Each structure stands twice: as C-alpha cells, then as structure tokens.
Amino acid sequence: MKMGLITEVGELLDALKKHIAYGKELDIVNLMEEWGDAMWYIANYRTLEGKELTFEEHSIFDVYFYLSSKNNPDFNWYENAANVFCRQRSFEETVDILWGFGKNIGDREEMLRMNIEKLRKRYPEKYTDEQAIVRDVDAEREILEKNKNQDQ
C-alpha cells in the first residue's frame, strides 16, 4: 500500500510539474483521479493496520499553504503542493497533506465516489491482474469527466 501511495503521489506531482514547468493547462480531472487513487491506498493501508481513517480539521498542508501564501502572494496552491510533496515526510504527514490537498481540487467525498465508479468500471466483478494491466482509460476518463461536469 505504501508503494502504491508513493506511485500516486508521483503521478500527482507529474501533473503539477507539467503545469508549473511547461505551462500546460492544469488537468483537474486527472488531479482528482490521482488524489482518489492515493486515498484508496491510504484507506487500505489503514484497514491492514486495523486503524480507523480519520483526519484533523487543519492538516499540515493547510498550515503550510497559509504560511507560504502569506509570505509570498505569487505562490499558488499547486506550487505549494509540489513543494510540500517534495520534502521528506512521514506516512502520517503524507496522509494529512494529501487530505488537505484534496479540498483544493474538489469536493473530497465526491472525488472518492468518482474513484470508486472508475474502479468498478475497471474491475466489474473483482480485481484481476489482467484488468489492472489492460484498461479502457478512455472509458474511465469519461466516467470521471461526466461526474465532474455534473458537480459544476
């Protein structure tokens, strides 16, 4: 689960890097998907530990975002996220950061629901290695975009 989480954080950072460094349009649907995937790994890790998944009202990300925005008004939330994720953090800090990051890209409950719908499309009955490798990414993206557009 930790390896999966690290992979998803990497994918999230890659989307942010493309926007920050290359000036590409920020793909909010992709950010929502990667965030949902990361939360899936976190939830499963917690389940394996026998712990309940809970979050503090003010996460580490919120505090960092407030301080860096106040000190540098040109800093925006995605640059903050890239800076926060690139620092060495404990698993607990990473969880808090991701949870806080989620509220900057959408409704967290809705993003989790969208992620579940995407996974149901990918694995209609149960997980298989073949379905994990051979995916219909266009159909999955359609599910995510449809849900995002319904929320607007």
N, C-alpha and C. Protein backbone atom coordinates (compact mmCIF):
# COMPACT_ATOMS: atom_id res chain seq x y z
N MET A 1 0.82 -1.19 0.00
CA MET A 1 0.00 0.00 0.00
C MET A 1 0.87 1.26 0.00
N LYS A 2 1.99 1.20 0.73
CA LYS A 2 2.87 2.37 0.74
C LYS A 2 3.48 2.61 -0.65
N MET A 3 3.85 1.54 -1.33
CA MET A 3 4.40 1.69 -2.67
C MET A 3 3.36 2.29 -3.61
N GLY A 4 2.12 1.83 -3.50
CA GLY A 4 1.05 2.38 -4.33
C GLY A 4 0.83 3.85 -4.05
N LEU A 5 0.88 4.22 -2.77
CA LEU A 5 0.70 5.62 -2.39
C LEU A 5 1.81 6.49 -3.00
N ILE A 6 3.04 6.01 -2.90
CA ILE A 6 4.17 6.76 -3.45
C ILE A 6 4.00 6.93 -4.96
N THR A 7 3.54 5.90 -5.64
CA THR A 7 3.31 5.98 -7.07
C THR A 7 2.26 7.03 -7.40
N GLU A 8 1.17 7.04 -6.64
CA GLU A 8 0.10 8.01 -6.91
C GLU A 8 0.55 9.45 -6.62
N VAL A 9 1.32 9.63 -5.55
CA VAL A 9 1.85 10.97 -5.26
C VAL A 9 2.76 11.40 -6.42
N GLY A 10 3.54 10.46 -6.96
CA GLY A 10 4.38 10.76 -8.11
C GLY A 10 3.56 11.19 -9.31
N GLU A 11 2.45 10.51 -9.56
CA GLU A 11 1.60 10.88 -10.69
C GLU A 11 0.96 12.25 -10.46
N LEU A 12 0.58 12.53 -9.23
CA LEU A 12 0.03 13.84 -8.90
C LEU A 12 1.07 14.93 -9.13
N LEU A 13 2.28 14.67 -8.67
CA LEU A 13 3.36 15.64 -8.87
C LEU A 13 3.69 15.84 -10.34
N ASP A 14 3.61 14.77 -11.12
CA ASP A 14 3.89 14.89 -12.54
C ASP A 14 2.89 15.81 -13.21
N ALA A 15 1.62 15.69 -12.84
CA ALA A 15 0.59 16.58 -13.39
C ALA A 15 0.86 18.03 -13.00
N LEU A 16 1.27 18.25 -11.75
CA LEU A 16 1.58 19.60 -11.30
C LEU A 16 2.83 20.14 -12.00
N LYS A 17 3.84 19.28 -12.17
CA LYS A 17 5.08 19.69 -12.84
C LYS A 17 4.81 20.14 -14.26
N LYS A 18 3.97 19.41 -14.96
CA LYS A 18 3.66 19.77 -16.35
C LYS A 18 3.00 21.14 -16.42
N HIS A 19 2.22 21.46 -15.42
CA HIS A 19 1.56 22.77 -15.39
C HIS A 19 2.55 23.86 -14.99
N ILE A 20 3.32 23.62 -13.93
CA ILE A 20 4.23 24.63 -13.41
C ILE A 20 5.42 24.85 -14.35
N ALA A 21 6.06 23.77 -14.77
CA ALA A 21 7.30 23.89 -15.54
C ALA A 21 7.06 24.10 -17.03
N TYR A 22 6.02 23.46 -17.58
CA TYR A 22 5.83 23.51 -19.03
C TYR A 22 4.66 24.40 -19.45
N GLY A 23 3.93 24.92 -18.47
CA GLY A 23 2.81 25.80 -18.79
C GLY A 23 1.60 25.10 -19.38
N LYS A 24 1.53 23.76 -19.25
CA LYS A 24 0.36 23.04 -19.76
C LYS A 24 -0.85 23.37 -18.90
N GLU A 25 -2.02 23.29 -19.49
CA GLU A 25 -3.25 23.53 -18.74
C GLU A 25 -3.36 22.51 -17.61
N LEU A 26 -3.78 22.98 -16.45
CA LEU A 26 -3.93 22.09 -15.29
C LEU A 26 -5.10 21.16 -15.53
N ASP A 27 -4.84 19.85 -15.53
CA ASP A 27 -5.87 18.85 -15.78
C ASP A 27 -6.52 18.46 -14.45
N ILE A 28 -7.57 19.18 -14.09
CA ILE A 28 -8.23 18.96 -12.81
C ILE A 28 -8.80 17.55 -12.71
N VAL A 29 -9.36 17.03 -13.80
CA VAL A 29 -9.91 15.68 -13.77
C VAL A 29 -8.82 14.68 -13.42
N ASN A 30 -7.64 14.85 -14.00
CA ASN A 30 -6.53 13.96 -13.68
C ASN A 30 -6.09 14.11 -12.23
N LEU A 31 -6.03 15.35 -11.74
CA LEU A 31 -5.67 15.56 -10.32
C LEU A 31 -6.68 14.88 -9.41
N MET A 32 -7.96 14.99 -9.75
CA MET A 32 -9.00 14.35 -8.94
C MET A 32 -8.82 12.83 -8.94
N GLU A 33 -8.52 12.29 -10.11
CA GLU A 33 -8.33 10.84 -10.21
C GLU A 33 -7.13 10.38 -9.39
N GLU A 34 -6.00 11.06 -9.54
CA GLU A 34 -4.79 10.65 -8.82
C GLU A 34 -4.98 10.80 -7.31
N TRP A 35 -5.66 11.87 -6.91
CA TRP A 35 -5.94 12.06 -5.48
C TRP A 35 -6.81 10.91 -4.97
N GLY A 36 -7.85 10.57 -5.72
CA GLY A 36 -8.72 9.46 -5.31
C GLY A 36 -7.96 8.16 -5.21
N ASP A 37 -7.07 7.91 -6.18
CA ASP A 37 -6.25 6.69 -6.13
C ASP A 37 -5.36 6.68 -4.89
N ALA A 38 -4.75 7.82 -4.57
CA ALA A 38 -3.89 7.90 -3.39
C ALA A 38 -4.70 7.61 -2.12
N MET A 39 -5.91 8.17 -2.04
CA MET A 39 -6.75 7.94 -0.86
C MET A 39 -7.15 6.48 -0.75
N TRP A 40 -7.31 5.80 -1.89
CA TRP A 40 -7.64 4.38 -1.88
C TRP A 40 -6.51 3.59 -1.20
N TYR A 41 -5.27 3.90 -1.56
CA TYR A 41 -4.13 3.22 -0.93
C TYR A 41 -4.05 3.54 0.56
N ILE A 42 -4.31 4.77 0.91
CA ILE A 42 -4.28 5.16 2.32
C ILE A 42 -5.35 4.41 3.10
N ALA A 43 -6.55 4.35 2.56
CA ALA A 43 -7.65 3.65 3.24
C ALA A 43 -7.32 2.17 3.43
N ASN A 44 -6.74 1.55 2.40
CA ASN A 44 -6.39 0.14 2.51
C ASN A 44 -5.25 -0.09 3.49
N TYR A 45 -4.29 0.81 3.52
CA TYR A 45 -3.19 0.72 4.49
C TYR A 45 -3.75 0.78 5.90
N ARG A 46 -4.65 1.73 6.13
CA ARG A 46 -5.26 1.85 7.46
C ARG A 46 -6.03 0.59 7.83
N THR A 47 -6.75 0.03 6.87
CA THR A 47 -7.52 -1.19 7.12
C THR A 47 -6.58 -2.33 7.52
N LEU A 48 -5.46 -2.46 6.81
CA LEU A 48 -4.49 -3.51 7.13
C LEU A 48 -3.88 -3.31 8.52
N GLU A 49 -3.74 -2.04 8.93
CA GLU A 49 -3.23 -1.74 10.26
C GLU A 49 -4.28 -1.91 11.35
N GLY A 50 -5.55 -2.06 10.93
CA GLY A 50 -6.64 -2.15 11.89
C GLY A 50 -6.96 -0.80 12.52
N LYS A 51 -6.66 0.29 11.81
CA LYS A 51 -6.91 1.63 12.33
C LYS A 51 -8.01 2.31 11.53
N GLU A 52 -8.73 3.19 12.21
CA GLU A 52 -9.76 3.97 11.55
C GLU A 52 -9.11 5.13 10.79
N LEU A 53 -9.66 5.45 9.63
CA LEU A 53 -9.12 6.55 8.83
C LEU A 53 -9.81 7.84 9.24
N THR A 54 -9.07 8.71 9.93
CA THR A 54 -9.62 9.99 10.35
C THR A 54 -8.62 11.09 10.01
N PHE A 55 -9.12 12.32 9.94
CA PHE A 55 -8.27 13.45 9.59
C PHE A 55 -8.55 14.60 10.54
N GLU A 56 -7.51 15.35 10.83
CA GLU A 56 -7.68 16.56 11.63
C GLU A 56 -8.31 17.63 10.76
N GLU A 57 -9.00 18.57 11.40
CA GLU A 57 -9.63 19.64 10.64
C GLU A 57 -8.60 20.49 9.91
N HIS A 58 -7.48 20.77 10.54
CA HIS A 58 -6.44 21.58 9.90
C HIS A 58 -5.23 20.69 9.66
N SER A 59 -4.99 20.36 8.40
CA SER A 59 -3.89 19.47 8.07
C SER A 59 -2.58 20.24 7.97
N ILE A 60 -1.50 19.52 7.90
CA ILE A 60 -0.18 20.10 7.70
C ILE A 60 -0.18 20.94 6.42
N PHE A 61 -0.84 20.44 5.38
CA PHE A 61 -0.89 21.17 4.12
C PHE A 61 -1.55 22.54 4.32
N ASP A 62 -2.67 22.58 5.07
CA ASP A 62 -3.36 23.85 5.29
C ASP A 62 -2.43 24.87 5.94
N VAL A 63 -1.69 24.43 6.95
CA VAL A 63 -0.79 25.34 7.66
C VAL A 63 0.31 25.81 6.71
N TYR A 64 0.91 24.89 5.97
CA TYR A 64 1.98 25.24 5.04
C TYR A 64 1.46 26.20 3.97
N PHE A 65 0.29 25.91 3.44
CA PHE A 65 -0.30 26.75 2.40
C PHE A 65 -0.53 28.17 2.92
N TYR A 66 -1.03 28.28 4.13
CA TYR A 66 -1.30 29.59 4.71
C TYR A 66 0.01 30.37 4.88
N LEU A 67 1.01 29.73 5.43
CA LEU A 67 2.27 30.43 5.69
C LEU A 67 2.95 30.85 4.39
N SER A 68 3.02 29.96 3.43
CA SER A 68 3.73 30.30 2.20
C SER A 68 2.95 31.32 1.38
N SER A 69 1.62 31.27 1.39
CA SER A 69 0.84 32.26 0.65
C SER A 69 0.98 33.63 1.28
N LYS A 70 1.00 33.65 2.60
CA LYS A 70 1.11 34.93 3.30
C LYS A 70 2.48 35.56 3.04
N ASN A 71 3.51 34.71 3.01
CA ASN A 71 4.87 35.21 2.80
C ASN A 71 5.16 35.51 1.34
N ASN A 72 4.44 34.89 0.44
CA ASN A 72 4.69 35.08 -0.98
C ASN A 72 3.35 35.04 -1.72
N PRO A 73 2.73 36.18 -1.95
CA PRO A 73 1.40 36.19 -2.57
C PRO A 73 1.36 35.62 -3.98
N ASP A 74 2.51 35.54 -4.66
CA ASP A 74 2.52 34.96 -6.00
C ASP A 74 2.51 33.44 -5.98
N PHE A 75 2.74 32.85 -4.80
CA PHE A 75 2.72 31.40 -4.65
C PHE A 75 1.28 30.93 -4.72
N ASN A 76 0.98 29.93 -5.51
CA ASN A 76 -0.38 29.43 -5.53
C ASN A 76 -0.43 28.00 -5.01
N TRP A 77 -1.63 27.47 -4.88
CA TRP A 77 -1.78 26.19 -4.18
C TRP A 77 -1.06 25.04 -4.86
N TYR A 78 -1.00 24.99 -6.19
CA TYR A 78 -0.33 23.85 -6.82
C TYR A 78 1.18 23.93 -6.67
N GLU A 79 1.74 25.14 -6.63
CA GLU A 79 3.17 25.26 -6.36
C GLU A 79 3.46 24.87 -4.91
N ASN A 80 2.56 25.25 -4.01
CA ASN A 80 2.70 24.83 -2.62
C ASN A 80 2.69 23.31 -2.51
N ALA A 81 1.75 22.69 -3.22
CA ALA A 81 1.63 21.24 -3.16
C ALA A 81 2.91 20.58 -3.64
N ALA A 82 3.45 21.07 -4.74
CA ALA A 82 4.69 20.49 -5.26
C ALA A 82 5.81 20.63 -4.24
N ASN A 83 5.92 21.78 -3.61
CA ASN A 83 6.95 21.98 -2.59
C ASN A 83 6.75 21.07 -1.38
N VAL A 84 5.52 20.95 -0.94
CA VAL A 84 5.24 20.12 0.24
C VAL A 84 5.53 18.66 -0.05
N PHE A 85 5.06 18.16 -1.20
CA PHE A 85 5.25 16.75 -1.52
C PHE A 85 6.72 16.38 -1.72
N CYS A 86 7.53 17.34 -2.15
CA CYS A 86 8.94 17.04 -2.45
C CYS A 86 9.82 17.01 -1.20
N ARG A 87 9.29 17.33 -0.06
CA ARG A 87 10.06 17.24 1.18
C ARG A 87 9.89 15.84 1.77
N GLN A 88 10.87 15.41 2.52
CA GLN A 88 10.78 14.10 3.15
C GLN A 88 9.75 14.16 4.27
N ARG A 89 8.78 13.28 4.22
CA ARG A 89 7.68 13.28 5.18
C ARG A 89 7.43 11.86 5.70
N SER A 90 6.86 11.80 6.89
CA SER A 90 6.42 10.51 7.41
C SER A 90 5.13 10.12 6.69
N PHE A 91 4.74 8.88 6.84
CA PHE A 91 3.50 8.42 6.23
C PHE A 91 2.32 9.24 6.75
N GLU A 92 2.29 9.48 8.05
CA GLU A 92 1.19 10.25 8.64
C GLU A 92 1.13 11.66 8.07
N GLU A 93 2.28 12.30 7.91
CA GLU A 93 2.29 13.65 7.34
C GLU A 93 1.83 13.63 5.88
N THR A 94 2.23 12.61 5.13
CA THR A 94 1.81 12.49 3.74
C THR A 94 0.30 12.34 3.65
N VAL A 95 -0.27 11.54 4.54
CA VAL A 95 -1.73 11.36 4.56
C VAL A 95 -2.41 12.70 4.82
N ASP A 96 -1.95 13.43 5.81
CA ASP A 96 -2.55 14.74 6.12
C ASP A 96 -2.41 15.71 4.95
N ILE A 97 -1.25 15.71 4.32
CA ILE A 97 -1.02 16.60 3.19
C ILE A 97 -1.97 16.27 2.05
N LEU A 98 -2.10 14.99 1.73
CA LEU A 98 -2.99 14.59 0.64
C LEU A 98 -4.43 14.95 0.94
N TRP A 99 -4.86 14.73 2.16
CA TRP A 99 -6.24 15.06 2.53
C TRP A 99 -6.48 16.57 2.36
N GLY A 100 -5.55 17.37 2.82
CA GLY A 100 -5.67 18.81 2.66
C GLY A 100 -5.62 19.23 1.20
N PHE A 101 -4.76 18.59 0.43
CA PHE A 101 -4.63 18.90 -0.98
C PHE A 101 -5.96 18.67 -1.70
N GLY A 102 -6.66 17.63 -1.32
CA GLY A 102 -7.92 17.28 -1.98
C GLY A 102 -8.94 18.39 -1.97
N LYS A 103 -9.01 19.14 -0.88
CA LYS A 103 -10.05 20.17 -0.83
C LYS A 103 -9.74 21.34 -1.76
N ASN A 104 -8.52 21.42 -2.26
CA ASN A 104 -8.17 22.46 -3.22
C ASN A 104 -8.56 22.11 -4.66
N ILE A 105 -8.89 20.84 -4.91
CA ILE A 105 -9.24 20.46 -6.28
C ILE A 105 -10.69 20.04 -6.43
N GLY A 106 -11.41 19.86 -5.34
CA GLY A 106 -12.82 19.50 -5.45
C GLY A 106 -13.39 19.01 -4.14
N ASP A 107 -14.63 18.57 -4.22
CA ASP A 107 -15.32 18.00 -3.07
C ASP A 107 -14.73 16.61 -2.80
N ARG A 108 -14.12 16.43 -1.64
CA ARG A 108 -13.39 15.19 -1.37
C ARG A 108 -14.30 13.96 -1.41
N GLU A 109 -15.49 14.05 -0.83
CA GLU A 109 -16.40 12.90 -0.85
C GLU A 109 -16.78 12.55 -2.29
N GLU A 110 -17.03 13.57 -3.10
CA GLU A 110 -17.40 13.34 -4.49
C GLU A 110 -16.23 12.72 -5.26
N MET A 111 -15.02 13.18 -4.99
CA MET A 111 -13.85 12.61 -5.68
C MET A 111 -13.64 11.15 -5.30
N LEU A 112 -13.90 10.82 -4.04
CA LEU A 112 -13.79 9.42 -3.62
C LEU A 112 -14.86 8.58 -4.32
N ARG A 113 -16.07 9.10 -4.42
CA ARG A 113 -17.14 8.39 -5.11
C ARG A 113 -16.78 8.18 -6.58
N MET A 114 -16.24 9.22 -7.23
CA MET A 114 -15.84 9.11 -8.63
C MET A 114 -14.77 8.03 -8.81
N ASN A 115 -13.84 7.98 -7.87
CA ASN A 115 -12.78 6.99 -7.95
C ASN A 115 -13.34 5.58 -7.84
N ILE A 116 -14.32 5.41 -6.97
CA ILE A 116 -14.96 4.09 -6.81
C ILE A 116 -15.67 3.71 -8.11
N GLU A 117 -16.37 4.64 -8.73
CA GLU A 117 -17.04 4.36 -10.01
C GLU A 117 -16.02 3.95 -11.07
N LYS A 118 -14.89 4.64 -11.10
CA LYS A 118 -13.84 4.30 -12.07
C LYS A 118 -13.33 2.88 -11.83
N LEU A 119 -13.10 2.54 -10.56
CA LEU A 119 -12.60 1.20 -10.24
C LEU A 119 -13.65 0.13 -10.53
N ARG A 120 -14.93 0.45 -10.35
CA ARG A 120 -15.99 -0.51 -10.70
C ARG A 120 -16.02 -0.77 -12.20
N LYS A 121 -15.73 0.25 -12.98
CA LYS A 121 -15.65 0.09 -14.44
C LYS A 121 -14.47 -0.81 -14.79
N ARG A 122 -13.35 -0.58 -14.12
CA ARG A 122 -12.14 -1.36 -14.39
C ARG A 122 -12.26 -2.81 -13.93
N TYR A 123 -12.84 -2.99 -12.77
CA TYR A 123 -12.98 -4.33 -12.17
C TYR A 123 -14.46 -4.60 -11.89
N PRO A 124 -15.26 -4.98 -12.91
CA PRO A 124 -16.70 -5.11 -12.72
C PRO A 124 -17.10 -6.18 -11.69
N GLU A 125 -16.30 -7.23 -11.55
CA GLU A 125 -16.65 -8.27 -10.59
C GLU A 125 -15.67 -8.32 -9.43
N LYS A 126 -14.39 -8.39 -9.75
CA LYS A 126 -13.34 -8.38 -8.74
C LYS A 126 -12.02 -8.06 -9.42
N TYR A 127 -11.02 -7.75 -8.64
CA TYR A 127 -9.70 -7.41 -9.17
C TYR A 127 -9.10 -8.61 -9.90
N THR A 128 -8.51 -8.34 -11.07
CA THR A 128 -7.68 -9.34 -11.76
C THR A 128 -6.43 -8.62 -12.26
N ASP A 129 -5.34 -9.36 -12.33
CA ASP A 129 -4.10 -8.77 -12.84
C ASP A 129 -4.27 -8.30 -14.27
N GLU A 130 -4.99 -9.09 -15.08
CA GLU A 130 -5.19 -8.72 -16.48
C GLU A 130 -5.93 -7.38 -16.60
N GLN A 131 -7.00 -7.21 -15.82
CA GLN A 131 -7.76 -5.96 -15.89
C GLN A 131 -6.94 -4.77 -15.36
N ALA A 132 -6.02 -5.04 -14.45
CA ALA A 132 -5.16 -3.97 -13.94
C ALA A 132 -4.20 -3.48 -15.03
N ILE A 133 -3.80 -4.38 -15.92
CA ILE A 133 -2.85 -4.03 -16.98
C ILE A 133 -3.56 -3.52 -18.23
N VAL A 134 -4.60 -4.23 -18.65
CA VAL A 134 -5.34 -3.87 -19.87
C VAL A 134 -6.58 -3.08 -19.44
N ARG A 135 -6.46 -1.75 -19.53
CA ARG A 135 -7.55 -0.89 -19.06
C ARG A 135 -8.11 -0.07 -20.22
N ASP A 136 -9.37 0.27 -20.08
CA ASP A 136 -10.02 1.16 -21.03
C ASP A 136 -9.95 2.57 -20.43
N VAL A 137 -8.80 3.23 -20.61
CA VAL A 137 -8.59 4.53 -19.97
C VAL A 137 -9.54 5.60 -20.51
N ASP A 138 -9.97 5.44 -21.78
CA ASP A 138 -10.92 6.42 -22.32
C ASP A 138 -12.27 6.31 -21.60
N ALA A 139 -12.73 5.09 -21.35
CA ALA A 139 -14.00 4.90 -20.65
C ALA A 139 -13.88 5.38 -19.20
N GLU A 140 -12.73 5.14 -18.58
CA GLU A 140 -12.52 5.60 -17.21
C GLU A 140 -12.52 7.13 -17.16
N ARG A 141 -11.84 7.76 -18.09
CA ARG A 141 -11.79 9.22 -18.14
C ARG A 141 -13.20 9.79 -18.37
N GLU A 142 -13.97 9.13 -19.20
CA GLU A 142 -15.35 9.56 -19.47
C GLU A 142 -16.17 9.56 -18.17
N ILE A 143 -16.01 8.54 -17.36
CA ILE A 143 -16.72 8.46 -16.08
C ILE A 143 -16.31 9.64 -15.20
N LEU A 144 -15.01 9.90 -15.12
CA LEU A 144 -14.51 10.98 -14.28
C LEU A 144 -14.99 12.35 -14.78
N GLU A 145 -14.94 12.58 -16.08
CA GLU A 145 -15.37 13.86 -16.63
C GLU A 145 -16.87 14.06 -16.47
N LYS A 146 -17.64 12.99 -16.68
CA LYS A 146 -19.09 13.08 -16.53
C LYS A 146 -19.45 13.49 -15.10
N ASN A 147 -18.82 12.86 -14.15
CA ASN A 147 -19.09 13.17 -12.75
C ASN A 147 -18.64 14.58 -12.39
N LYS A 148 -17.50 15.00 -12.91
CA LYS A 148 -17.00 16.35 -12.62
C LYS A 148 -17.96 17.40 -13.19
N ASN A 149 -18.44 17.17 -14.41
CA ASN A 149 -19.35 18.11 -15.04
C ASN A 149 -20.71 18.17 -14.35
N GLN A 150 -21.16 17.07 -13.76
CA GLN A 150 -22.43 17.07 -13.02
C GLN A 150 -22.33 17.93 -11.77
N ASP A 151 -21.13 18.02 -11.20
CA ASP A 151 -20.93 18.79 -9.97
C ASP A 151 -20.89 20.28 -10.21
N GLN A 152 -20.60 20.69 -11.45
CA GLN A 152 -20.44 22.12 -11.73
C GLN A 152 -21.76 22.82 -11.96
